[in-house]
PDB file of N, CA and C in Angstrom:
ATOM      1  N   MET A   1      -3.574  17.374   1.076  1.00  0.00           N
ATOM      2  CA  MET A   1      -4.911  16.926   0.688  1.00  0.00           C
ATOM      3  C   MET A   1      -5.040  17.692  -0.715  1.00  0.00           C
ATOM      4  N   VAL A   2      -4.936  18.737  -0.862  1.00  0.00           N
ATOM      5  CA  VAL A   2      -5.005  19.424  -1.961  1.00  0.00           C
ATOM      6  C   VAL A   2      -4.285  18.790  -3.063  1.00  0.00           C
ATOM      7  N   GLY A   3      -3.101  18.490  -3.212  1.00  0.00           N
ATOM      8  CA  GLY A   3      -2.355  17.643  -3.808  1.00  0.00           C
ATOM      9  C   GLY A   3      -2.766  16.555  -4.376  1.00  0.00           C
ATOM     10  N   ALA A   4      -3.370  15.687  -3.303  1.00  0.00           N
ATOM     11  CA  ALA A   4      -3.847  14.307  -3.819  1.00  0.00           C
ATOM     12  C   ALA A   4      -5.322  14.672  -4.517  1.00  0.00           C
ATOM     13  N   ASN A   5      -6.106  15.493  -4.130  1.00  0.00           N
ATOM     14  CA  ASN A   5      -7.158  15.824  -4.752  1.00  0.00           C
ATOM     15  C   ASN A   5      -6.962  16.258  -6.207  1.00  0.00           C
ATOM     16  N   SER A   6      -6.015  17.007  -6.497  1.00  0.00           N
ATOM     17  CA  SER A   6      -5.668  17.779  -7.915  1.00  0.00           C
ATOM     18  C   SER A   6      -4.981  16.650  -8.505  1.00  0.00           C
ATOM     19  N   THR A   7      -4.446  15.656  -8.068  1.00  0.00           N
ATOM     20  CA  THR A   7      -3.566  14.910  -8.859  1.00  0.00           C
ATOM     21  C   THR A   7      -4.682  13.696  -9.288  1.00  0.00           C
ATOM     22  N   GLY A   8      -5.711  13.382  -8.502  1.00  0.00           N
ATOM     23  CA  GLY A   8      -6.846  12.642  -8.722  1.00  0.00           C
ATOM     24  C   GLY A   8      -7.591  13.337 -10.010  1.00  0.00           C
ATOM     25  N   ALA A   9      -7.866  14.617 -10.015  1.00  0.00           N
ATOM     26  CA  ALA A   9      -8.776  14.982 -11.077  1.00  0.00           C
ATOM     27  C   ALA A   9      -7.887  15.349 -12.347  1.00  0.00           C
ATOM     28  N   LEU A  10      -6.669  15.580 -11.960  1.00  0.00           N
ATOM     29  CA  LEU A  10      -5.668  15.545 -13.303  1.00  0.00           C
ATOM     30  C   LEU A  10      -5.735  14.226 -13.997  1.00  0.00           C
ATOM     31  N   ILE A  11      -5.787  13.059 -13.298  1.00  0.00           N
ATOM     32  CA  ILE A  11      -5.651  11.619 -13.817  1.00  0.00           C
ATOM     33  C   ILE A  11      -6.884  11.318 -14.779  1.00  0.00           C
ATOM     34  N   ALA A  12      -7.905  11.815 -13.934  1.00  0.00           N
ATOM     35  CA  ALA A  12      -9.088  11.601 -14.381  1.00  0.00           C
ATOM     36  C   ALA A  12      -9.659  12.368 -15.716  1.00  0.00           C
ATOM     37  N   LEU A  13      -9.132  13.806 -15.946  1.00  0.00           N
ATOM     38  CA  LEU A  13      -9.334  14.477 -16.951  1.00  0.00           C
ATOM     39  C   LEU A  13      -8.323  13.798 -18.107  1.00  0.00           C
ATOM     40  N   ILE A  14      -7.169  13.296 -17.936  1.00  0.00           N
ATOM     41  CA  ILE A  14      -6.511  12.690 -19.000  1.00  0.00           C
ATOM     42  C   ILE A  14      -6.990  11.558 -19.595  1.00  0.00           C
ATOM     43  N   TYR A  15      -7.331  10.709 -18.508  1.00  0.00           N
ATOM     44  CA  TYR A  15      -8.019   9.366 -18.921  1.00  0.00           C
ATOM     45  C   TYR A  15      -9.641   9.642 -19.686  1.00  0.00           C
ATOM     46  N   LYS A  16     -10.137  10.913 -19.448  1.00  0.00           N
ATOM     47  CA  LYS A  16     -11.375  11.395 -20.069  1.00  0.00           C
ATOM     48  C   LYS A  16     -11.138  11.620 -21.457  1.00  0.00           C
ATOM     49  N   LYS A  17     -10.060  12.360 -21.672  1.00  0.00           N
ATOM     50  CA  LYS A  17      -9.432  12.844 -22.925  1.00  0.00           C
ATOM     51  C   LYS A  17      -9.116  11.824 -23.599  1.00  0.00           C
ATOM     52  N   GLN A  18      -8.107  10.734 -23.049  1.00  0.00           N
ATOM     53  CA  GLN A  18      -7.814   9.824 -24.055  1.00  0.00           C
ATOM     54  C   GLN A  18      -9.062   8.692 -24.722  1.00  0.00           C
ATOM     55  N   LEU A  19     -10.187   8.779 -23.731  1.00  0.00           N
ATOM     56  CA  LEU A  19     -11.328   8.147 -23.956  1.00  0.00           C
ATOM     57  C   LEU A  19     -12.165   8.654 -25.174  1.00  0.00           C
ATOM     58  N   LEU A  20     -11.900  10.015 -25.282  1.00  0.00           N
ATOM     59  CA  LEU A  20     -12.718  11.107 -26.074  1.00  0.00           C
ATOM     60  C   LEU A  20     -11.992  10.913 -27.337  1.00  0.00           C
ATOM     61  N   LEU A  21     -10.725  10.963 -27.500  1.00  0.00           N
ATOM     62  CA  LEU A  21     -10.054  10.842 -28.656  1.00  0.00           C
ATOM     63  C   LEU A  21      -9.836   9.675 -29.577  1.00  0.00           C
ATOM     64  N   SER A  22     -10.083   9.562 -30.818  1.00  0.00           N
ATOM     65  CA  SER A  22      -9.796   8.603 -31.458  1.00  0.00           C
ATOM     66  C   SER A  22      -8.316   8.117 -31.841  1.00  0.00           C
ATOM     67  N   ASN A  23      -7.897   7.113 -32.102  1.00  0.00           N
ATOM     68  CA  ASN A  23      -6.477   6.951 -32.566  1.00  0.00           C
ATOM     69  C   ASN A  23      -6.125   7.635 -33.857  1.00  0.00           C
ATOM     70  N   ALA A  24      -6.728   8.056 -34.769  1.00  0.00           N
ATOM     71  CA  ALA A  24      -6.752   8.704 -35.969  1.00  0.00           C
ATOM     72  C   ALA A  24      -6.489  10.060 -35.566  1.00  0.00           C
ATOM     73  N   SER A  25      -7.098  10.808 -34.671  1.00  0.00           N
ATOM     74  CA  SER A  25      -7.260  12.404 -34.445  1.00  0.00           C
ATOM     75  C   SER A  25      -5.924  12.584 -33.344  1.00  0.00           C
ATOM     76  N   ASN A  26      -5.458  11.630 -32.786  1.00  0.00           N
ATOM     77  CA  ASN A  26      -4.504  11.816 -31.728  1.00  0.00           C
ATOM     78  C   ASN A  26      -2.935  11.237 -32.290  1.00  0.00           C
ATOM     79  N   LYS A  27      -2.415  12.211 -32.921  1.00  0.00           N
ATOM     80  CA  LYS A  27      -1.169  11.898 -33.712  1.00  0.00           C
ATOM     81  C   LYS A  27       0.016  12.607 -32.900  1.00  0.00           C
ATOM     82  N   LYS A  28      -0.200  13.491 -31.919  1.00  0.00           N
ATOM     83  CA  LYS A  28       0.918  13.971 -31.056  1.00  0.00           C
ATOM     84  C   LYS A  28       1.339  12.969 -29.707  1.00  0.00           C
ATOM     85  N   PHE A  29       0.292  12.475 -29.314  1.00  0.00           N
ATOM     86  CA  PHE A  29       0.668  11.432 -28.288  1.00  0.00           C
ATOM     87  C   PHE A  29       0.201  10.164 -28.539  1.00  0.00           C
ATOM     88  N   ASP A  30       0.838   8.995 -28.463  1.00  0.00           N
ATOM     89  CA  ASP A  30       0.516   7.841 -28.460  1.00  0.00           C
ATOM     90  C   ASP A  30      -0.032   7.266 -27.106  1.00  0.00           C
ATOM     91  N   SER A  31      -0.755   6.266 -27.070  1.00  0.00           N
ATOM     92  CA  SER A  31      -1.203   5.729 -25.759  1.00  0.00           C
ATOM     93  C   SER A  31       0.140   5.612 -24.507  1.00  0.00           C
ATOM     94  N   GLY A  32       1.119   4.840 -25.114  1.00  0.00           N
ATOM     95  CA  GLY A  32       2.111   4.931 -24.092  1.00  0.00           C
ATOM     96  C   GLY A  32       2.513   5.948 -23.336  1.00  0.00           C
ATOM     97  N   GLN A  33       2.587   7.092 -24.125  1.00  0.00           N
ATOM     98  CA  GLN A  33       3.034   8.332 -23.616  1.00  0.00           C
ATOM     99  C   GLN A  33       1.825   8.674 -22.769  1.00  0.00           C
ATOM    100  N   ILE A  34       0.960   8.648 -22.949  1.00  0.00           N
ATOM    101  CA  ILE A  34      -0.519   9.101 -22.076  1.00  0.00           C
ATOM    102  C   ILE A  34      -0.407   8.539 -20.569  1.00  0.00           C
ATOM    103  N   VAL A  35      -0.022   7.180 -20.893  1.00  0.00           N
ATOM    104  CA  VAL A  35       0.118   6.386 -19.508  1.00  0.00           C
ATOM    105  C   VAL A  35       0.904   6.728 -18.740  1.00  0.00           C
ATOM    106  N   ASN A  36       2.245   7.245 -19.349  1.00  0.00           N
ATOM    107  CA  ASN A  36       3.218   7.795 -18.541  1.00  0.00           C
ATOM    108  C   ASN A  36       3.013   8.963 -17.898  1.00  0.00           C
ATOM    109  N   PHE A  37       2.260   9.715 -18.732  1.00  0.00           N
ATOM    110  CA  PHE A  37       1.998  11.178 -18.043  1.00  0.00           C
ATOM    111  C   PHE A  37       1.156  10.890 -16.926  1.00  0.00           C
ATOM    112  N   VAL A  38       0.194   9.945 -16.867  1.00  0.00           N
ATOM    113  CA  VAL A  38      -0.765   9.637 -15.698  1.00  0.00           C
ATOM    114  C   VAL A  38       0.223   9.101 -14.530  1.00  0.00           C
ATOM    115  N   GLN A  39       1.074   8.238 -14.880  1.00  0.00           N
ATOM    116  CA  GLN A  39       1.851   7.415 -13.943  1.00  0.00           C
ATOM    117  C   GLN A  39       2.868   8.618 -13.098  1.00  0.00           C
ATOM    118  N   THR A  40       3.412   9.190 -14.208  1.00  0.00           N
ATOM    119  CA  THR A  40       4.746  10.094 -13.285  1.00  0.00           C
ATOM    120  C   THR A  40       4.108  11.455 -13.296  1.00  0.00           C
ATOM    121  N   ASP A  41       3.948  12.074 -14.312  1.00  0.00           N
ATOM    122  CA  ASP A  41       3.840  13.753 -14.434  1.00  0.00           C
ATOM    123  C   ASP A  41       2.739  14.068 -13.230  1.00  0.00           C
ATOM    124  N   ALA A  42       1.529  13.271 -13.301  1.00  0.00           N
ATOM    125  CA  ALA A  42       0.464  13.872 -12.341  1.00  0.00           C
ATOM    126  C   ALA A  42       0.871  13.555 -10.903  1.00  0.00           C
ATOM    127  N   GLN A  43       2.142  12.420 -10.679  1.00  0.00           N
ATOM    128  CA  GLN A  43       2.215  12.543  -9.411  1.00  0.00           C
ATOM    129  C   GLN A  43       3.080  13.543  -8.672  1.00  0.00           C
ATOM    130  N   GLN A  44       3.746  14.048  -9.795  1.00  0.00           N
ATOM    131  CA  GLN A  44       4.769  15.364  -9.581  1.00  0.00           C
ATOM    132  C   GLN A  44       3.927  16.434  -9.129  1.00  0.00           C
ATOM    133  N   LEU A  45       2.789  16.738  -9.580  1.00  0.00           N
ATOM    134  CA  LEU A  45       1.743  17.625  -9.072  1.00  0.00           C
ATOM    135  C   LEU A  45       1.587  17.426  -7.438  1.00  0.00           C
ATOM    136  N   ALA A  46       1.271  16.324  -7.235  1.00  0.00           N
ATOM    137  CA  ALA A  46       0.988  16.086  -5.641  1.00  0.00           C
ATOM    138  C   ALA A  46       2.447  16.351  -4.952  1.00  0.00           C
ATOM    139  N   TRP A  47       3.455  16.104  -5.339  1.00  0.00           N
ATOM    140  CA  TRP A  47       4.689  16.377  -4.732  1.00  0.00           C
ATOM    141  C   TRP A  47       5.036  17.571  -4.740  1.00  0.00           C
ATOM    142  N   LEU A  48       4.863  18.386  -5.655  1.00  0.00           N
ATOM    143  CA  LEU A  48       4.918  19.783  -5.727  1.00  0.00           C
ATOM    144  C   LEU A  48       4.084  20.502  -4.700  1.00  0.00           C
ATOM    145  N   SER A  49       2.701  20.237  -4.636  1.00  0.00           N
ATOM    146  CA  SER A  49       1.754  20.915  -3.650  1.00  0.00           C
ATOM    147  C   SER A  49       2.395  20.784  -1.963  1.00  0.00           C
ATOM    148  N   TYR A  50       3.113  19.464  -1.780  1.00  0.00           N
ATOM    149  CA  TYR A  50       3.577  19.012  -0.409  1.00  0.00           C
ATOM    150  C   TYR A  50       4.623  19.772  -0.394  1.00  0.00           C
ATOM    151  N   MET A  51       5.709  20.325  -1.180  1.00  0.00           N
ATOM    152  CA  MET A  51       7.076  20.724  -0.974  1.00  0.00           C
ATOM    153  C   MET A  51       6.804  22.126  -0.984  1.00  0.00           C
ATOM    154  N   LEU A  52       5.962  22.875  -1.728  1.00  0.00           N
ATOM    155  CA  LEU A  52       6.052  24.286  -2.026  1.00  0.00           C
ATOM    156  C   LEU A  52       6.278  25.266  -0.647  1.00  0.00           C
ATOM    157  N   PRO A  53       5.362  24.703   0.313  1.00  0.00           N
ATOM    158  CA  PRO A  53       5.490  25.619   1.327  1.00  0.00           C
ATOM    159  C   PRO A  53       7.084  25.379   2.058  1.00  0.00           C
ATOM    160  N   MET A  54       7.513  24.344   1.959  1.00  0.00           N
ATOM    161  CA  MET A  54       9.143  24.484   2.578  1.00  0.00           C
ATOM    162  C   MET A  54      10.011  24.993   1.587  1.00  0.00           C
ATOM    163  N   VAL A  55       9.623  25.207   0.361  1.00  0.00           N
ATOM    164  CA  VAL A  55      10.526  25.987  -0.381  1.00  0.00           C
ATOM    165  C   VAL A  55      10.600  27.382   0.105  1.00  0.00           C
ATOM    166  N   SER A  56       9.394  27.870   0.520  1.00  0.00           N
ATOM    167  CA  SER A  56       9.407  29.390   0.809  1.00  0.00           C
ATOM    168  C   SER A  56       9.947  29.826   1.993  1.00  0.00           C
ATOM    169  N   THR A  57      10.170  28.819   3.169  1.00  0.00           N
ATOM    170  CA  THR A  57      10.870  28.903   4.191  1.00  0.00           C
ATOM    171  C   THR A  57      12.384  28.470   4.528  1.00  0.00           C
ATOM    172  N   LEU A  58      12.719  27.525   3.420  1.00  0.00           N
ATOM    173  CA  LEU A  58      14.108  27.387   3.465  1.00  0.00           C
ATOM    174  C   LEU A  58      14.889  28.063   3.576  1.00  0.00           C
ATOM    175  N   PRO A  59      15.173  29.316   2.823  1.00  0.00           N
ATOM    176  CA  PRO A  59      16.073  30.175   2.897  1.00  0.00           C
ATOM    177  C   PRO A  59      16.291  30.726   4.291  1.00  0.00           C
ATOM    178  N   PHE A  60      15.265  31.010   5.012  1.00  0.00           N
ATOM    179  CA  PHE A  60      15.262  31.641   6.493  1.00  0.00           C
ATOM    180  C   PHE A  60      15.728  30.875   7.204  1.00  0.00           C
ATOM    181  N   ILE A  61      15.380  29.594   7.108  1.00  0.00           N
ATOM    182  CA  ILE A  61      15.974  28.629   8.048  1.00  0.00           C
ATOM    183  C   ILE A  61      17.505  28.236   7.733  1.00  0.00           C
ATOM    184  N   PHE A  62      17.821  28.158   6.668  1.00  0.00           N
ATOM    185  CA  PHE A  62      19.341  28.122   6.316  1.00  0.00           C
ATOM    186  C   PHE A  62      20.175  29.050   6.669  1.00  0.00           C
ATOM    187  N   LEU A  63      19.537  30.391   6.621  1.00  0.00           N
ATOM    188  CA  LEU A  63      20.151  31.651   7.133  1.00  0.00           C
ATOM    189  C   LEU A  63      20.359  31.742   8.492  1.00  0.00           C
ATOM    190  N   PHE A  64      19.266  31.099   9.018  1.00  0.00           N
ATOM    191  CA  PHE A  64      19.575  31.286  10.730  1.00  0.00           C
ATOM    192  C   PHE A  64      20.637  30.229  10.957  1.00  0.00           C
ATOM    193  N   CYS A  65      20.607  28.910  10.628  1.00  0.00           N
ATOM    194  CA  CYS A  65      21.245  27.836  10.820  1.00  0.00           C
ATOM    195  C   CYS A  65      23.011  28.288  10.442  1.00  0.00           C
ATOM    196  N   VAL A  66      23.107  28.932   9.576  1.00  0.00           N
ATOM    197  CA  VAL A  66      24.628  29.381   9.156  1.00  0.00           C
ATOM    198  C   VAL A  66      25.167  30.429  10.142  1.00  0.00           C
ATOM    199  N   VAL A  67      24.161  31.395  10.554  1.00  0.00           N
ATOM    200  CA  VAL A  67      24.732  32.451  11.359  1.00  0.00           C
ATOM    201  C   VAL A  67      24.909  31.964  13.002  1.00  0.00           C
ATOM    202  N   TYR A  68      24.105  30.919  13.331  1.00  0.00           N
ATOM    203  CA  TYR A  68      23.917  30.329  14.648  1.00  0.00           C
ATOM    204  C   TYR A  68      25.254  29.434  14.770  1.00  0.00           C
ATOM    205  N   LEU A  69      25.610  28.646  13.822  1.00  0.00           N
ATOM    206  CA  LEU A  69      26.556  27.907  13.712  1.00  0.00           C
ATOM    207  C   LEU A  69      28.000  28.631  13.698  1.00  0.00           C
ATOM    208  N   PHE A  70      28.056  29.617  12.980  1.00  0.00           N
ATOM    209  CA  PHE A  70      29.251  30.505  12.932  1.00  0.00           C
ATOM    210  C   PHE A  70      29.516  30.985  14.268  1.00  0.00           C
ATOM    211  N   TYR A  71      28.444  31.500  14.872  1.00  0.00           N
ATOM    212  CA  TYR A  71      28.553  32.053  16.376  1.00  0.00           C
ATOM    213  C   TYR A  71      28.823  31.016  17.197  1.00  0.00           C
ATOM    214  N   VAL A  72      28.454  29.799  17.197  1.00  0.00           N
ATOM    215  CA  VAL A  72      29.061  28.598  18.015  1.00  0.00           C
ATOM    216  C   VAL A  72      30.434  28.084  17.909  1.00  0.00           C
ATOM    217  N   LEU A  73      30.544  28.116  16.338  1.00  0.00           N
ATOM    218  CA  LEU A  73      31.759  27.155  16.129  1.00  0.00           C
ATOM    219  C   LEU A  73      32.977  28.258  15.609  1.00  0.00           C
ATOM    220  N   GLY A  74      32.563  29.280  15.530  1.00  0.00           N
ATOM    221  CA  GLY A  74      33.627  30.204  15.165  1.00  0.00           C
ATOM    222  C   GLY A  74      34.447  29.836  13.640  1.00  0.00           C
ATOM    223  N   TRP A  75      35.535  30.189  13.517  1.00  0.00           N
ATOM    224  CA  TRP A  75      35.999  30.006  12.283  1.00  0.00           C
ATOM    225  C   TRP A  75      36.174  28.678  11.630  1.00  0.00           C
ATOM    226  N   THR A  76      35.980  27.584  12.852  1.00  0.00           N
ATOM    227  CA  THR A  76      36.002  25.965  12.158  1.00  0.00           C
ATOM    228  C   THR A  76      35.008  25.758  11.457  1.00  0.00           C
ATOM    229  N   PHE A  77      33.912  26.547  11.675  1.00  0.00           N
ATOM    230  CA  PHE A  77      32.568  26.410  10.725  1.00  0.00           C
ATOM    231  C   PHE A  77      32.824  26.625   9.197  1.00  0.00           C
ATOM    232  N   VAL A  78      33.597  27.875   8.890  1.00  0.00           N
ATOM    233  CA  VAL A  78      33.990  28.020   7.718  1.00  0.00           C
ATOM    234  C   VAL A  78      34.459  26.887   6.736  1.00  0.00           C
ATOM    235  N   PHE A  79      35.523  26.315   7.358  1.00  0.00           N
ATOM    236  CA  PHE A  79      36.181  24.949   6.984  1.00  0.00           C
ATOM    237  C   PHE A  79      35.037  23.810   6.503  1.00  0.00           C
ATOM    238  N   GLY A  80      34.164  23.600   7.527  1.00  0.00           N
ATOM    239  CA  GLY A  80      33.192  22.724   7.647  1.00  0.00           C
ATOM    240  C   GLY A  80      31.945  23.022   6.163  1.00  0.00           C
ATOM    241  N   PHE A  81      31.710  24.495   6.426  1.00  0.00           N
ATOM    242  CA  PHE A  81      30.686  25.043   5.312  1.00  0.00           C
ATOM    243  C   PHE A  81      31.435  24.663   3.950  1.00  0.00           C
ATOM    244  N   THR A  82      32.591  25.033   3.875  1.00  0.00           N
ATOM    245  CA  THR A  82      33.437  24.752   2.294  1.00  0.00           C
ATOM    246  C   THR A  82      33.360  23.002   2.137  1.00  0.00           C
ATOM    247  N   VAL A  83      33.404  22.561   2.941  1.00  0.00           N
ATOM    248  CA  VAL A  83      33.313  20.910   2.477  1.00  0.00           C
ATOM    249  C   VAL A  83      31.851  20.575   2.118  1.00  0.00           C
ATOM    250  N   LEU A  84      30.875  21.081   3.020  1.00  0.00           N
ATOM    251  CA  LEU A  84      29.184  21.131   2.750  1.00  0.00           C
ATOM    252  C   LEU A  84      29.052  21.540   1.088  1.00  0.00           C
ATOM    253  N   MET A  85      29.615  22.803   0.769  1.00  0.00           N
ATOM    254  CA  MET A  85      29.562  23.285  -0.507  1.00  0.00           C
ATOM    255  C   MET A  85      30.045  22.644  -1.533  1.00  0.00           C
ATOM    256  N   LEU A  86      31.287  21.875  -1.370  1.00  0.00           N
ATOM    257  CA  LEU A  86      31.723  20.822  -2.275  1.00  0.00           C
ATOM    258  C   LEU A  86      30.783  19.591  -2.428  1.00  0.00           C
ATOM    259  N   GLY A  87      30.273  19.337  -1.426  1.00  0.00           N
ATOM    260  CA  GLY A  87      29.499  18.062  -1.336  1.00  0.00           C
ATOM    261  C   GLY A  87      28.122  18.332  -2.239  1.00  0.00           C
ATOM    262  N   MET A  88      27.617  19.510  -1.993  1.00  0.00           N
ATOM    263  CA  MET A  88      26.501  19.882  -2.731  1.00  0.00           C
ATOM    264  C   MET A  88      26.581  20.183  -4.275  1.00  0.00           C
ATOM    265  N   PHE A  89      27.891  20.714  -4.568  1.00  0.00           N
ATOM    266  CA  PHE A  89      28.327  20.706  -5.842  1.00  0.00           C
ATOM    267  C   PHE A  89      28.364  19.216  -6.495  1.00  0.00           C
ATOM    268  N   THR A  90      28.860  18.253  -5.995  1.00  0.00           N
ATOM    269  CA  THR A  90      28.966  17.004  -6.472  1.00  0.00           C
ATOM    270  C   THR A  90      27.783  16.491  -6.704  1.00  0.00           C
ATOM    271  N   ASN A  91      26.857  16.744  -5.623  1.00  0.00           N
ATOM    272  CA  ASN A  91      25.667  15.980  -5.829  1.00  0.00           C
ATOM    273  C   ASN A  91      24.867  16.721  -6.826  1.00  0.00           C
ATOM    274  N   TYR A  92      25.031  17.935  -7.088  1.00  0.00           N
ATOM    275  CA  TYR A  92      24.336  18.433  -8.346  1.00  0.00           C
ATOM    276  C   TYR A  92      24.697  17.780  -9.572  1.00  0.00           C
ATOM    277  N   LYS A  93      26.078  17.560  -9.693  1.00  0.00           N
ATOM    278  CA  LYS A  93      26.527  16.782 -11.014  1.00  0.00           C
ATOM    279  C   LYS A  93      25.943  15.554 -11.237  1.00  0.00           C
ATOM    280  N   ILE A  94      25.745  14.594 -10.007  1.00  0.00           N
ATOM    281  CA  ILE A  94      25.443  13.668 -10.012  1.00  0.00           C
ATOM    282  C   ILE A  94      23.981  13.493 -10.395  1.00  0.00           C
ATOM    283  N   SER A  95      22.965  14.544  -9.914  1.00  0.00           N
ATOM    284  CA  SER A  95      21.782  14.680 -10.143  1.00  0.00           C
ATOM    285  C   SER A  95      21.488  15.097 -11.656  1.00  0.00           C
ATOM    286  N   LYS A  96      22.172  15.850 -12.287  1.00  0.00           N
ATOM    287  CA  LYS A  96      22.125  15.765 -13.708  1.00  0.00           C
ATOM    288  C   LYS A  96      22.227  14.962 -14.574  1.00  0.00           C
ATOM    289  N   ALA A  97      23.349  14.041 -14.277  1.00  0.00           N
ATOM    290  CA  ALA A  97      23.666  12.879 -15.061  1.00  0.00           C
ATOM    291  C   ALA A  97      22.233  11.937 -14.660  1.00  0.00           C
ATOM    292  N   ALA A  98      21.586  11.891 -13.567  1.00  0.00           N
ATOM    293  CA  ALA A  98      20.668  11.175 -13.352  1.00  0.00           C
ATOM    294  C   ALA A  98      19.548  11.493 -13.919  1.00  0.00           C
ATOM    295  N   GLY A  99      19.191  12.558 -14.234  1.00  0.00           N
ATOM    296  CA  GLY A  99      18.079  13.329 -15.035  1.00  0.00           C
ATOM    297  C   GLY A  99      18.406  12.827 -16.482  1.00  0.00           C
ATOM    298  N   LYS A 100      19.443  12.999 -17.043  1.00  0.00           N
ATOM    299  CA  LYS A 100      19.527  12.667 -18.391  1.00  0.00           C
ATOM    300  C   LYS A 100      19.216  11.005 -18.536  1.00  0.00           C
ATOM    301  N   LEU A 101      19.570  10.323 -17.794  1.00  0.00           N
ATOM    302  CA  LEU A 101      19.370   8.754 -17.617  1.00  0.00           C
ATOM    303  C   LEU A 101      17.870   8.674 -17.422  1.00  0.00           C
ATOM    304  N   GLN A 102      17.298   9.471 -16.628  1.00  0.00           N
ATOM    305  CA  GLN A 102      15.762   9.314 -16.381  1.00  0.00           C
ATOM    306  C   GLN A 102      15.019   9.538 -17.668  1.00  0.00           C
ATOM    307  N   LYS A 103      15.490  10.598 -18.503  1.00  0.00           N
ATOM    308  CA  LYS A 103      14.571  11.050 -19.653  1.00  0.00           C
ATOM    309  C   LYS A 103      14.605   9.871 -20.718  1.00  0.00           C
ATOM    310  N   ALA A 104      16.035   9.229 -20.628  1.00  0.00           N
ATOM    311  CA  ALA A 104      16.399   7.944 -21.608  1.00  0.00           C
ATOM    312  C   ALA A 104      15.619   6.875 -21.222  1.00  0.00           C
ATOM    313  N   TYR A 105      15.295   6.648 -19.850  1.00  0.00           N
ATOM    314  CA  TYR A 105      14.553   5.472 -19.551  1.00  0.00           C
ATOM    315  C   TYR A 105      13.150   5.764 -19.633  1.00  0.00           C
ATOM    316  N   MET A 106      12.677   7.082 -19.768  1.00  0.00           N
ATOM    317  CA  MET A 106      11.145   7.310 -19.836  1.00  0.00           C
ATOM    318  C   MET A 106      10.838   7.172 -21.479  1.00  0.00           C
ATOM    319  N   LYS A 107      11.946   7.472 -22.262  1.00  0.00           N
ATOM    320  CA  LYS A 107      11.458   7.050 -23.804  1.00  0.00           C
ATOM    321  C   LYS A 107      11.409   5.546 -23.927  1.00  0.00           C
ATOM    322  N   VAL A 108      12.508   4.769 -23.326  1.00  0.00           N
ATOM    323  CA  VAL A 108      12.226   3.516 -23.535  1.00  0.00           C
ATOM    324  C   VAL A 108      10.839   2.816 -22.905  1.00  0.00           C
ATOM    325  N   GLN A 109      10.435   3.311 -22.019  1.00  0.00           N
ATOM    326  CA  GLN A 109       9.299   2.829 -21.166  1.00  0.00           C
ATOM    327  C   GLN A 109       8.084   3.325 -22.114  1.00  0.00           C
ATOM    328  N   ASP A 110       8.159   4.736 -22.943  1.00  0.00           N
ATOM    329  CA  ASP A 110       7.027   4.592 -23.600  1.00  0.00           C
ATOM    330  C   ASP A 110       7.031   3.714 -24.898  1.00  0.00           C
ATOM    331  N   GLN A 111       8.175   3.558 -25.396  1.00  0.00           N
ATOM    332  CA  GLN A 111       8.238   2.453 -26.614  1.00  0.00           C
ATOM    333  C   GLN A 111       7.590   1.052 -26.051  1.00  0.00           C
ATOM    334  N   ARG A 112       7.915   0.781 -24.681  1.00  0.00           N
ATOM    335  CA  ARG A 112       7.431  -0.343 -24.051  1.00  0.00           C
ATOM    336  C   ARG A 112       6.133  -0.671 -24.062  1.00  0.00           C
ATOM    337  N   MET A 113       5.323   0.593 -23.564  1.00  0.00           N
ATOM    338  CA  MET A 113       3.873   0.747 -23.478  1.00  0.00           C
ATOM    339  C   MET A 113       3.325   0.906 -24.874  1.00  0.00           C
ATOM    340  N   ASN A 114       3.953   1.338 -25.693  1.00  0.00           N
ATOM    341  CA  ASN A 114       3.094   1.196 -26.964  1.00  0.00           C
ATOM    342  C   ASN A 114       2.885  -0.183 -27.440  1.00  0.00           C
ATOM    343  N   LEU A 115       4.205  -0.801 -27.335  1.00  0.00           N
ATOM    344  CA  LEU A 115       4.175  -2.372 -27.649  1.00  0.00           C
ATOM    345  C   LEU A 115       3.441  -3.255 -27.276  1.00  0.00           C
ATOM    346  N   THR A 116       2.962  -2.852 -25.799  1.00  0.00           N
ATOM    347  CA  THR A 116       2.128  -3.468 -24.945  1.00  0.00           C
ATOM    348  C   THR A 116       0.718  -3.240 -25.463  1.00  0.00           C
ATOM    349  N   ASN A 117       0.456  -1.893 -25.692  1.00  0.00           N
ATOM    350  CA  ASN A 117      -1.021  -1.787 -26.266  1.00  0.00           C
ATOM    351  C   ASN A 117      -1.285  -2.086 -27.493  1.00  0.00           C
ATOM    352  N   GLU A 118      -0.319  -1.962 -28.383  1.00  0.00           N
ATOM    353  CA  GLU A 118      -0.509  -2.630 -29.816  1.00  0.00           C
ATOM    354  C   GLU A 118      -1.016  -4.086 -29.671  1.00  0.00           C
ATOM    355  N   THR A 119      -0.048  -4.821 -28.753  1.00  0.00           N
ATOM    356  CA  THR A 119      -0.225  -6.218 -28.785  1.00  0.00           C
ATOM    357  C   THR A 119      -1.575  -6.644 -28.115  1.00  0.00           C
ATOM    358  N   LEU A 120      -2.234  -5.721 -27.080  1.00  0.00           N
ATOM    359  CA  LEU A 120      -3.503  -5.973 -26.757  1.00  0.00           C
ATOM    360  C   LEU A 120      -4.520  -5.847 -27.563  1.00  0.00           C
TER     361      LEU A 120
END
């Protein structure tokens, strides 16, 4: 609930600030970038407030699972864990590439929003 409230407040503040600024004084961000801030960056704030408690407990859960699986499966677990780590490394590399593509997409979307706002 806190994440949704803070996201709504942030969106309202960004729009209020955009309405108060004139186009001549706002040289740093154009309207397309401000719309993207509202659509993407403010929503990440809500996601962060939802996921933050899980991040603090995740190391303990992971350690417990590793110890328990080693206890149950023995040395077979080590081979499975190695495969898991290789998969995580591969996922990391793919995520880095996807992040670069997302940044390029956001630049194109900013240009599209600018063009749309200029046309209107």
